PDB file of N, CA and C in Angstrom:
ATOM      1  N   MET A   1      36.481  10.222 -67.914  1.00  0.00           N
ATOM      2  CA  MET A   1      37.377   9.245 -67.319  1.00  0.00           C
ATOM      3  C   MET A   1      37.966   9.832 -66.044  1.00  0.00           C
ATOM      4  N   ALA A   2      38.187   8.955 -65.080  1.00  0.00           N
ATOM      5  CA  ALA A   2      38.711   9.398 -63.792  1.00  0.00           C
ATOM      6  C   ALA A   2      40.176   9.801 -63.935  1.00  0.00           C
ATOM      7  N   ASN A   3      40.543  10.897 -63.271  1.00  0.00           N
ATOM      8  CA  ASN A   3      41.901  11.406 -63.356  1.00  0.00           C
ATOM      9  C   ASN A   3      42.730  11.055 -62.132  1.00  0.00           C
ATOM     10  N   THR A   4      42.152  11.198 -60.956  1.00  0.00           N
ATOM     11  CA  THR A   4      42.919  10.956 -59.742  1.00  0.00           C
ATOM     12  C   THR A   4      42.820   9.493 -59.328  1.00  0.00           C
ATOM     13  N   SER A   5      43.748   9.085 -58.482  1.00  0.00           N
ATOM     14  CA  SER A   5      43.748   7.690 -58.043  1.00  0.00           C
ATOM     15  C   SER A   5      42.508   7.379 -57.206  1.00  0.00           C
ATOM     16  N   SER A   6      42.056   8.355 -56.418  1.00  0.00           N
ATOM     17  CA  SER A   6      40.860   8.117 -55.597  1.00  0.00           C
ATOM     18  C   SER A   6      39.614   7.988 -56.479  1.00  0.00           C
ATOM     19  N   ALA A   7      39.581   8.747 -57.565  1.00  0.00           N
ATOM     20  CA  ALA A   7      38.441   8.653 -58.487  1.00  0.00           C
ATOM     21  C   ALA A   7      38.451   7.307 -59.215  1.00  0.00           C
ATOM     22  N   LYS A   8      39.651   6.841 -59.553  1.00  0.00           N
ATOM     23  CA  LYS A   8      39.760   5.530 -60.209  1.00  0.00           C
ATOM     24  C   LYS A   8      39.301   4.417 -59.269  1.00  0.00           C
ATOM     25  N   LYS A   9      39.679   4.532 -57.997  1.00  0.00           N
ATOM     26  CA  LYS A   9      39.247   3.546 -57.014  1.00  0.00           C
ATOM     27  C   LYS A   9      37.728   3.593 -56.846  1.00  0.00           C
ATOM     28  N   ALA A  10      37.170   4.791 -56.830  1.00  0.00           N
ATOM     29  CA  ALA A  10      35.719   4.938 -56.695  1.00  0.00           C
ATOM     30  C   ALA A  10      34.993   4.267 -57.859  1.00  0.00           C
ATOM     31  N   VAL A  11      35.539   4.393 -59.053  1.00  0.00           N
ATOM     32  CA  VAL A  11      34.948   3.747 -60.225  1.00  0.00           C
ATOM     33  C   VAL A  11      34.963   2.232 -60.051  1.00  0.00           C
ATOM     34  N   ARG A  12      36.071   1.692 -59.558  1.00  0.00           N
ATOM     35  CA  ARG A  12      36.155   0.250 -59.327  1.00  0.00           C
ATOM     36  C   ARG A  12      35.159  -0.210 -58.266  1.00  0.00           C
ATOM     37  N   LYS A  13      35.037   0.565 -57.191  1.00  0.00           N
ATOM     38  CA  LYS A  13      34.108   0.208 -56.115  1.00  0.00           C
ATOM     39  C   LYS A  13      32.665   0.236 -56.609  1.00  0.00           C
ATOM     40  N   ILE A  14      32.324   1.243 -57.391  1.00  0.00           N
ATOM     41  CA  ILE A  14      30.961   1.358 -57.918  1.00  0.00           C
ATOM     42  C   ILE A  14      30.649   0.183 -58.833  1.00  0.00           C
ATOM     43  N   ALA A  15      31.605  -0.201 -59.667  1.00  0.00           N
ATOM     44  CA  ALA A  15      31.392  -1.339 -60.566  1.00  0.00           C
ATOM     45  C   ALA A  15      31.178  -2.628 -59.780  1.00  0.00           C
ATOM     46  N   ALA A  16      31.973  -2.821 -58.731  1.00  0.00           N
ATOM     47  CA  ALA A  16      31.829  -4.029 -57.909  1.00  0.00           C
ATOM     48  C   ALA A  16      30.490  -4.034 -57.195  1.00  0.00           C
ATOM     49  N   ARG A  17      30.089  -2.895 -56.632  1.00  0.00           N
ATOM     50  CA  ARG A  17      28.826  -2.792 -55.914  1.00  0.00           C
ATOM     51  C   ARG A  17      27.645  -3.013 -56.856  1.00  0.00           C
ATOM     52  N   THR A  18      27.775  -2.522 -58.087  1.00  0.00           N
ATOM     53  CA  THR A  18      26.713  -2.711 -59.081  1.00  0.00           C
ATOM     54  C   THR A  18      26.512  -4.187 -59.371  1.00  0.00           C
ATOM     55  N   GLU A  19      27.601  -4.928 -59.515  1.00  0.00           N
ATOM     56  CA  GLU A  19      27.497  -6.375 -59.773  1.00  0.00           C
ATOM     57  C   GLU A  19      26.824  -7.099 -58.606  1.00  0.00           C
ATOM     58  N   ILE A  20      27.190  -6.736 -57.391  1.00  0.00           N
ATOM     59  CA  ILE A  20      26.592  -7.367 -56.211  1.00  0.00           C
ATOM     60  C   ILE A  20      25.100  -7.057 -56.149  1.00  0.00           C
ATOM     61  N   ASN A  21      24.738  -5.805 -56.391  1.00  0.00           N
ATOM     62  CA  ASN A  21      23.327  -5.421 -56.338  1.00  0.00           C
ATOM     63  C   ASN A  21      22.523  -6.082 -57.452  1.00  0.00           C
ATOM     64  N   LYS A  22      23.128  -6.289 -58.619  1.00  0.00           N
ATOM     65  CA  LYS A  22      22.432  -6.997 -59.704  1.00  0.00           C
ATOM     66  C   LYS A  22      22.090  -8.416 -59.259  1.00  0.00           C
ATOM     67  N   ALA A  23      23.045  -9.078 -58.613  1.00  0.00           N
ATOM     68  CA  ALA A  23      22.815 -10.445 -58.148  1.00  0.00           C
ATOM     69  C   ALA A  23      21.720 -10.471 -57.086  1.00  0.00           C
ATOM     70  N   ARG A  24      21.742  -9.535 -56.171  1.00  0.00           N
ATOM     71  CA  ARG A  24      20.720  -9.485 -55.121  1.00  0.00           C
ATOM     72  C   ARG A  24      19.344  -9.204 -55.705  1.00  0.00           C
ATOM     73  N   ARG A  25      19.271  -8.280 -56.653  1.00  0.00           N
ATOM     74  CA  ARG A  25      17.996  -7.946 -57.296  1.00  0.00           C
ATOM     75  C   ARG A  25      17.458  -9.141 -58.069  1.00  0.00           C
ATOM     76  N   SER A  26      18.346  -9.865 -58.726  1.00  0.00           N
ATOM     77  CA  SER A  26      17.953 -11.047 -59.477  1.00  0.00           C
ATOM     78  C   SER A  26      17.406 -12.117 -58.540  1.00  0.00           C
ATOM     79  N   GLN A  27      18.070 -12.316 -57.407  1.00  0.00           N
ATOM     80  CA  GLN A  27      17.618 -13.305 -56.428  1.00  0.00           C
ATOM     81  C   GLN A  27      16.236 -12.926 -55.900  1.00  0.00           C
ATOM     82  N   PHE A  28      16.033 -11.661 -55.597  1.00  0.00           N
ATOM     83  CA  PHE A  28      14.746 -11.173 -55.114  1.00  0.00           C
ATOM     84  C   PHE A  28      13.655 -11.432 -56.153  1.00  0.00           C
ATOM     85  N   ARG A  29      13.940 -11.129 -57.401  1.00  0.00           N
ATOM     86  CA  ARG A  29      12.954 -11.322 -58.467  1.00  0.00           C
ATOM     87  C   ARG A  29      12.638 -12.801 -58.688  1.00  0.00           C
ATOM     88  N   THR A  30      13.621 -13.667 -58.474  1.00  0.00           N
ATOM     89  CA  THR A  30      13.393 -15.109 -58.598  1.00  0.00           C
ATOM     90  C   THR A  30      12.376 -15.570 -57.571  1.00  0.00           C
ATOM     91  N   PHE A  31      12.496 -15.104 -56.337  1.00  0.00           N
ATOM     92  CA  PHE A  31      11.539 -15.479 -55.300  1.00  0.00           C
ATOM     93  C   PHE A  31      10.141 -14.971 -55.637  1.00  0.00           C
ATOM     94  N   VAL A  32      10.050 -13.752 -56.157  1.00  0.00           N
ATOM     95  CA  VAL A  32       8.750 -13.205 -56.555  1.00  0.00           C
ATOM     96  C   VAL A  32       8.156 -14.043 -57.678  1.00  0.00           C
ATOM     97  N   ARG A  33       8.987 -14.436 -58.632  1.00  0.00           N
ATOM     98  CA  ARG A  33       8.519 -15.231 -59.766  1.00  0.00           C
ATOM     99  C   ARG A  33       7.987 -16.591 -59.308  1.00  0.00           C
ATOM    100  N   LYS A  34       8.680 -17.218 -58.359  1.00  0.00           N
ATOM    101  CA  LYS A  34       8.224 -18.507 -57.834  1.00  0.00           C
ATOM    102  C   LYS A  34       6.856 -18.363 -57.176  1.00  0.00           C
ATOM    103  N   PHE A  35       6.674 -17.282 -56.417  1.00  0.00           N
ATOM    104  CA  PHE A  35       5.388 -17.041 -55.768  1.00  0.00           C
ATOM    105  C   PHE A  35       4.297 -16.826 -56.819  1.00  0.00           C
ATOM    106  N   GLU A  36       4.580 -16.002 -57.811  1.00  0.00           N
ATOM    107  CA  GLU A  36       3.563 -15.702 -58.827  1.00  0.00           C
ATOM    108  C   GLU A  36       3.219 -16.936 -59.651  1.00  0.00           C
ATOM    109  N   ASP A  37       4.182 -17.789 -59.920  1.00  0.00           N
ATOM    110  CA  ASP A  37       3.902 -19.035 -60.633  1.00  0.00           C
ATOM    111  C   ASP A  37       2.949 -19.919 -59.832  1.00  0.00           C
ATOM    112  N   ALA A  38       3.185 -19.992 -58.517  1.00  0.00           N
ATOM    113  CA  ALA A  38       2.308 -20.804 -57.668  1.00  0.00           C
ATOM    114  C   ALA A  38       0.899 -20.221 -57.630  1.00  0.00           C
ATOM    115  N   VAL A  39       0.780 -18.907 -57.619  1.00  0.00           N
ATOM    116  CA  VAL A  39      -0.540 -18.263 -57.603  1.00  0.00           C
ATOM    117  C   VAL A  39      -1.262 -18.520 -58.919  1.00  0.00           C
ATOM    118  N   VAL A  40      -0.554 -18.405 -60.024  1.00  0.00           N
ATOM    119  CA  VAL A  40      -1.170 -18.630 -61.335  1.00  0.00           C
ATOM    120  C   VAL A  40      -1.646 -20.076 -61.462  1.00  0.00           C
ATOM    121  N   ARG A  41      -0.867 -21.017 -60.942  1.00  0.00           N
ATOM    122  CA  ARG A  41      -1.274 -22.423 -60.973  1.00  0.00           C
ATOM    123  C   ARG A  41      -2.438 -22.693 -60.039  1.00  0.00           C
ATOM    124  N   GLY A  42      -2.649 -21.822 -59.055  1.00  0.00           N
ATOM    125  CA  GLY A  42      -3.711 -22.015 -58.089  1.00  0.00           C
ATOM    126  C   GLY A  42      -3.328 -22.964 -56.970  1.00  0.00           C
ATOM    127  N   ASP A  43      -2.049 -23.195 -56.788  1.00  0.00           N
ATOM    128  CA  ASP A  43      -1.543 -24.110 -55.766  1.00  0.00           C
ATOM    129  C   ASP A  43      -1.387 -23.349 -54.445  1.00  0.00           C
ATOM    130  N   LYS A  44      -2.334 -23.558 -53.526  1.00  0.00           N
ATOM    131  CA  LYS A  44      -2.349 -22.798 -52.271  1.00  0.00           C
ATOM    132  C   LYS A  44      -1.125 -23.083 -51.415  1.00  0.00           C
ATOM    133  N   THR A  45      -0.803 -24.368 -51.237  1.00  0.00           N
ATOM    134  CA  THR A  45       0.315 -24.704 -50.337  1.00  0.00           C
ATOM    135  C   THR A  45       1.646 -24.216 -50.900  1.00  0.00           C
ATOM    136  N   ALA A  46       1.818 -24.346 -52.208  1.00  0.00           N
ATOM    137  CA  ALA A  46       3.062 -23.855 -52.821  1.00  0.00           C
ATOM    138  C   ALA A  46       3.146 -22.339 -52.718  1.00  0.00           C
ATOM    139  N   ALA A  47       2.012 -21.654 -52.894  1.00  0.00           N
ATOM    140  CA  ALA A  47       1.995 -20.193 -52.803  1.00  0.00           C
ATOM    141  C   ALA A  47       2.325 -19.752 -51.377  1.00  0.00           C
ATOM    142  N   GLN A  48       1.758 -20.445 -50.387  1.00  0.00           N
ATOM    143  CA  GLN A  48       2.049 -20.090 -48.996  1.00  0.00           C
ATOM    144  C   GLN A  48       3.527 -20.329 -48.669  1.00  0.00           C
ATOM    145  N   GLY A  49       4.068 -21.434 -49.126  1.00  0.00           N
ATOM    146  CA  GLY A  49       5.478 -21.718 -48.894  1.00  0.00           C
ATOM    147  C   GLY A  49       6.379 -20.717 -49.594  1.00  0.00           C
ATOM    148  N   ALA A  50       6.013 -20.368 -50.824  1.00  0.00           N
ATOM    149  CA  ALA A  50       6.805 -19.391 -51.580  1.00  0.00           C
ATOM    150  C   ALA A  50       6.746 -18.027 -50.908  1.00  0.00           C
ATOM    151  N   PHE A  51       5.581 -17.675 -50.352  1.00  0.00           N
ATOM    152  CA  PHE A  51       5.456 -16.383 -49.675  1.00  0.00           C
ATOM    153  C   PHE A  51       6.295 -16.359 -48.408  1.00  0.00           C
ATOM    154  N   ARG A  52       6.305 -17.489 -47.659  1.00  0.00           N
ATOM    155  CA  ARG A  52       7.126 -17.562 -46.449  1.00  0.00           C
ATOM    156  C   ARG A  52       8.611 -17.427 -46.771  1.00  0.00           C
ATOM    157  N   ALA A  53       9.019 -17.932 -47.930  1.00  0.00           N
ATOM    158  CA  ALA A  53      10.419 -17.806 -48.344  1.00  0.00           C
ATOM    159  C   ALA A  53      10.699 -16.419 -48.906  1.00  0.00           C
ATOM    160  N   LEU A  54       9.684 -15.814 -49.512  1.00  0.00           N
ATOM    161  CA  LEU A  54       9.843 -14.516 -50.172  1.00  0.00           C
ATOM    162  C   LEU A  54      10.012 -13.373 -49.185  1.00  0.00           C
ATOM    163  N   GLU A  55       9.222 -13.380 -48.122  1.00  0.00           N
ATOM    164  CA  GLU A  55       9.197 -12.240 -47.205  1.00  0.00           C
ATOM    165  C   GLU A  55      10.566 -11.917 -46.601  1.00  0.00           C
ATOM    166  N   PRO A  56      11.326 -12.897 -46.064  1.00  0.00           N
ATOM    167  CA  PRO A  56      12.649 -12.548 -45.538  1.00  0.00           C
ATOM    168  C   PRO A  56      13.610 -12.055 -46.624  1.00  0.00           C
ATOM    169  N   GLN A  57      13.450 -12.558 -47.847  1.00  0.00           N
ATOM    170  CA  GLN A  57      14.317 -12.105 -48.934  1.00  0.00           C
ATOM    171  C   GLN A  57      14.052 -10.636 -49.259  1.00  0.00           C
ATOM    172  N   VAL A  58      12.797 -10.235 -49.211  1.00  0.00           N
ATOM    173  CA  VAL A  58      12.457  -8.832 -49.478  1.00  0.00           C
ATOM    174  C   VAL A  58      13.069  -7.949 -48.391  1.00  0.00           C
ATOM    175  N   MET A  59      12.939  -8.352 -47.143  1.00  0.00           N
ATOM    176  CA  MET A  59      13.497  -7.559 -46.051  1.00  0.00           C
ATOM    177  C   MET A  59      15.025  -7.505 -46.129  1.00  0.00           C
ATOM    178  N   ARG A  60      15.623  -8.619 -46.564  1.00  0.00           N
ATOM    179  CA  ARG A  60      17.075  -8.631 -46.732  1.00  0.00           C
ATOM    180  C   ARG A  60      17.491  -7.660 -47.837  1.00  0.00           C
ATOM    181  N   ALA A  61      16.700  -7.582 -48.894  1.00  0.00           N
ATOM    182  CA  ALA A  61      16.993  -6.637 -49.974  1.00  0.00           C
ATOM    183  C   ALA A  61      16.919  -5.204 -49.464  1.00  0.00           C
ATOM    184  N   VAL A  62      16.025  -4.942 -48.511  1.00  0.00           N
ATOM    185  CA  VAL A  62      15.924  -3.603 -47.926  1.00  0.00           C
ATOM    186  C   VAL A  62      17.178  -3.289 -47.119  1.00  0.00           C
ATOM    187  N   THR A  63      17.604  -4.243 -46.282  1.00  0.00           N
ATOM    188  CA  THR A  63      18.772  -3.964 -45.439  1.00  0.00           C
ATOM    189  C   THR A  63      20.040  -3.811 -46.261  1.00  0.00           C
ATOM    190  N   LYS A  64      20.091  -4.465 -47.422  1.00  0.00           N
ATOM    191  CA  LYS A  64      21.269  -4.371 -48.279  1.00  0.00           C
ATOM    192  C   LYS A  64      21.216  -3.169 -49.213  1.00  0.00           C
ATOM    193  N   GLY A  65      20.094  -2.454 -49.210  1.00  0.00           N
ATOM    194  CA  GLY A  65      19.997  -1.239 -50.017  1.00  0.00           C
ATOM    195  C   GLY A  65      19.547  -1.467 -51.442  1.00  0.00           C
ATOM    196  N   VAL A  66      19.039  -2.657 -51.744  1.00  0.00           N
ATOM    197  CA  VAL A  66      18.574  -2.937 -53.102  1.00  0.00           C
ATOM    198  C   VAL A  66      17.190  -2.338 -53.312  1.00  0.00           C
ATOM    199  N   LEU A  67      16.355  -2.393 -52.272  1.00  0.00           N
ATOM    200  CA  LEU A  67      15.001  -1.847 -52.320  1.00  0.00           C
ATOM    201  C   LEU A  67      14.820  -0.815 -51.222  1.00  0.00           C
ATOM    202  N   HIS A  68      13.950   0.156 -51.476  1.00  0.00           N
ATOM    203  CA  HIS A  68      13.549   1.091 -50.434  1.00  0.00           C
ATOM    204  C   HIS A  68      12.536   0.396 -49.546  1.00  0.00           C
ATOM    205  N   LYS A  69      12.500   0.748 -48.272  1.00  0.00           N
ATOM    206  CA  LYS A  69      11.636   0.006 -47.346  1.00  0.00           C
ATOM    207  C   LYS A  69      10.163   0.184 -47.676  1.00  0.00           C
ATOM    208  N   ASN A  70       9.755   1.352 -48.163  1.00  0.00           N
ATOM    209  CA  ASN A  70       8.351   1.536 -48.531  1.00  0.00           C
ATOM    210  C   ASN A  70       8.002   0.714 -49.768  1.00  0.00           C
ATOM    211  N   THR A  71       8.928   0.589 -50.698  1.00  0.00           N
ATOM    212  CA  THR A  71       8.711  -0.238 -51.886  1.00  0.00           C
ATOM    213  C   THR A  71       8.528  -1.689 -51.468  1.00  0.00           C
ATOM    214  N   ALA A  72       9.372  -2.150 -50.563  1.00  0.00           N
ATOM    215  CA  ALA A  72       9.280  -3.525 -50.093  1.00  0.00           C
ATOM    216  C   ALA A  72       7.958  -3.759 -49.369  1.00  0.00           C
ATOM    217  N   SER A  73       7.576  -2.817 -48.550  1.00  0.00           N
ATOM    218  CA  SER A  73       6.322  -2.931 -47.814  1.00  0.00           C
ATOM    219  C   SER A  73       5.142  -3.002 -48.777  1.00  0.00           C
ATOM    220  N   ARG A  74       5.162  -2.181 -49.805  1.00  0.00           N
ATOM    221  CA  ARG A  74       4.086  -2.176 -50.808  1.00  0.00           C
ATOM    222  C   ARG A  74       4.039  -3.503 -51.551  1.00  0.00           C
ATOM    223  N   LYS A  75       5.194  -4.031 -51.924  1.00  0.00           N
ATOM    224  CA  LYS A  75       5.241  -5.312 -52.644  1.00  0.00           C
ATOM    225  C   LYS A  75       4.710  -6.449 -51.773  1.00  0.00           C
ATOM    226  N   ILE A  76       5.146  -6.501 -50.519  1.00  0.00           N
ATOM    227  CA  ILE A  76       4.690  -7.544 -49.606  1.00  0.00           C
ATOM    228  C   ILE A  76       3.177  -7.449 -49.433  1.00  0.00           C
ATOM    229  N   SER A  77       2.680  -6.232 -49.269  1.00  0.00           N
ATOM    230  CA  SER A  77       1.246  -6.036 -49.080  1.00  0.00           C
ATOM    231  C   SER A  77       0.460  -6.534 -50.281  1.00  0.00           C
ATOM    232  N   ARG A  78       0.905  -6.189 -51.470  1.00  0.00           N
ATOM    233  CA  ARG A  78       0.183  -6.594 -52.683  1.00  0.00           C
ATOM    234  C   ARG A  78       0.266  -8.095 -52.917  1.00  0.00           C
ATOM    235  N   LEU A  79       1.417  -8.681 -52.648  1.00  0.00           N
ATOM    236  CA  LEU A  79       1.566 -10.126 -52.824  1.00  0.00           C
ATOM    237  C   LEU A  79       0.738 -10.889 -51.788  1.00  0.00           C
ATOM    238  N   PHE A  80       0.699 -10.380 -50.556  1.00  0.00           N
ATOM    239  CA  PHE A  80      -0.099 -11.039 -49.529  1.00  0.00           C
ATOM    240  C   PHE A  80      -1.588 -10.956 -49.854  1.00  0.00           C
ATOM    241  N   ARG A  81      -2.000  -9.843 -50.425  1.00  0.00           N
ATOM    242  CA  ARG A  81      -3.401  -9.695 -50.829  1.00  0.00           C
ATOM    243  C   ARG A  81      -3.747 -10.716 -51.906  1.00  0.00           C
ATOM    244  N   ARG A  82      -2.825 -10.972 -52.831  1.00  0.00           N
ATOM    245  CA  ARG A  82      -3.056 -12.006 -53.860  1.00  0.00           C
ATOM    246  C   ARG A  82      -3.134 -13.388 -53.225  1.00  0.00           C
ATOM    247  N   LEU A  83      -2.312 -13.614 -52.197  1.00  0.00           N
ATOM    248  CA  LEU A  83      -2.341 -14.897 -51.504  1.00  0.00           C
ATOM    249  C   LEU A  83      -3.666 -15.077 -50.775  1.00  0.00           C
ATOM    250  N   LYS A  84      -4.167 -14.025 -50.146  1.00  0.00           N
ATOM    251  CA  LYS A  84      -5.446 -14.100 -49.440  1.00  0.00           C
ATOM    252  C   LYS A  84      -6.595 -14.359 -50.402  1.00  0.00           C
ATOM    253  N   MET A  85      -6.544 -13.773 -51.578  1.00  0.00           N
ATOM    254  CA  MET A  85      -7.604 -14.005 -52.565  1.00  0.00           C
ATOM    255  C   MET A  85      -7.579 -15.457 -53.043  1.00  0.00           C
ATOM    256  N   LEU A  86      -6.402 -16.052 -53.075  1.00  0.00           N
ATOM    257  CA  LEU A  86      -6.261 -17.443 -53.489  1.00  0.00           C
ATOM    258  C   LEU A  86      -6.744 -18.382 -52.385  1.00  0.00           C
ATOM    259  N   CYS A  87      -6.492 -18.021 -51.131  1.00  0.00           N
ATOM    260  CA  CYS A  87      -6.810 -18.877 -49.990  1.00  0.00           C
ATOM    261  C   CYS A  87      -7.819 -18.190 -49.080  1.00  0.00           C
ATOM    262  N   PRO A  88      -9.096 -18.237 -49.395  1.00  0.00           N
ATOM    263  CA  PRO A  88     -10.063 -17.553 -48.514  1.00  0.00           C
ATOM    264  C   PRO A  88     -10.243 -18.286 -47.206  1.00  0.00           C
TER     265      PRO A  88
END
């Protein structure tokens, strides 16, 4: 348990930041799920639209510190490859 007032404040800040990051991570995963659902259905236009919506969300997650930039780059690359296989 935190003893000093600054340590107690740090605990509060970490808890608040954790909640914000959980929400951001959840939002990011929702966009990925929408894209994957469209790919599984084989709906090209929905998959393309979902990918266009997904890409800025991934980059936003990087700037907010939810994802590492290399992780985001790898995810975008793999998802785009799935989109290309769906839409030759």
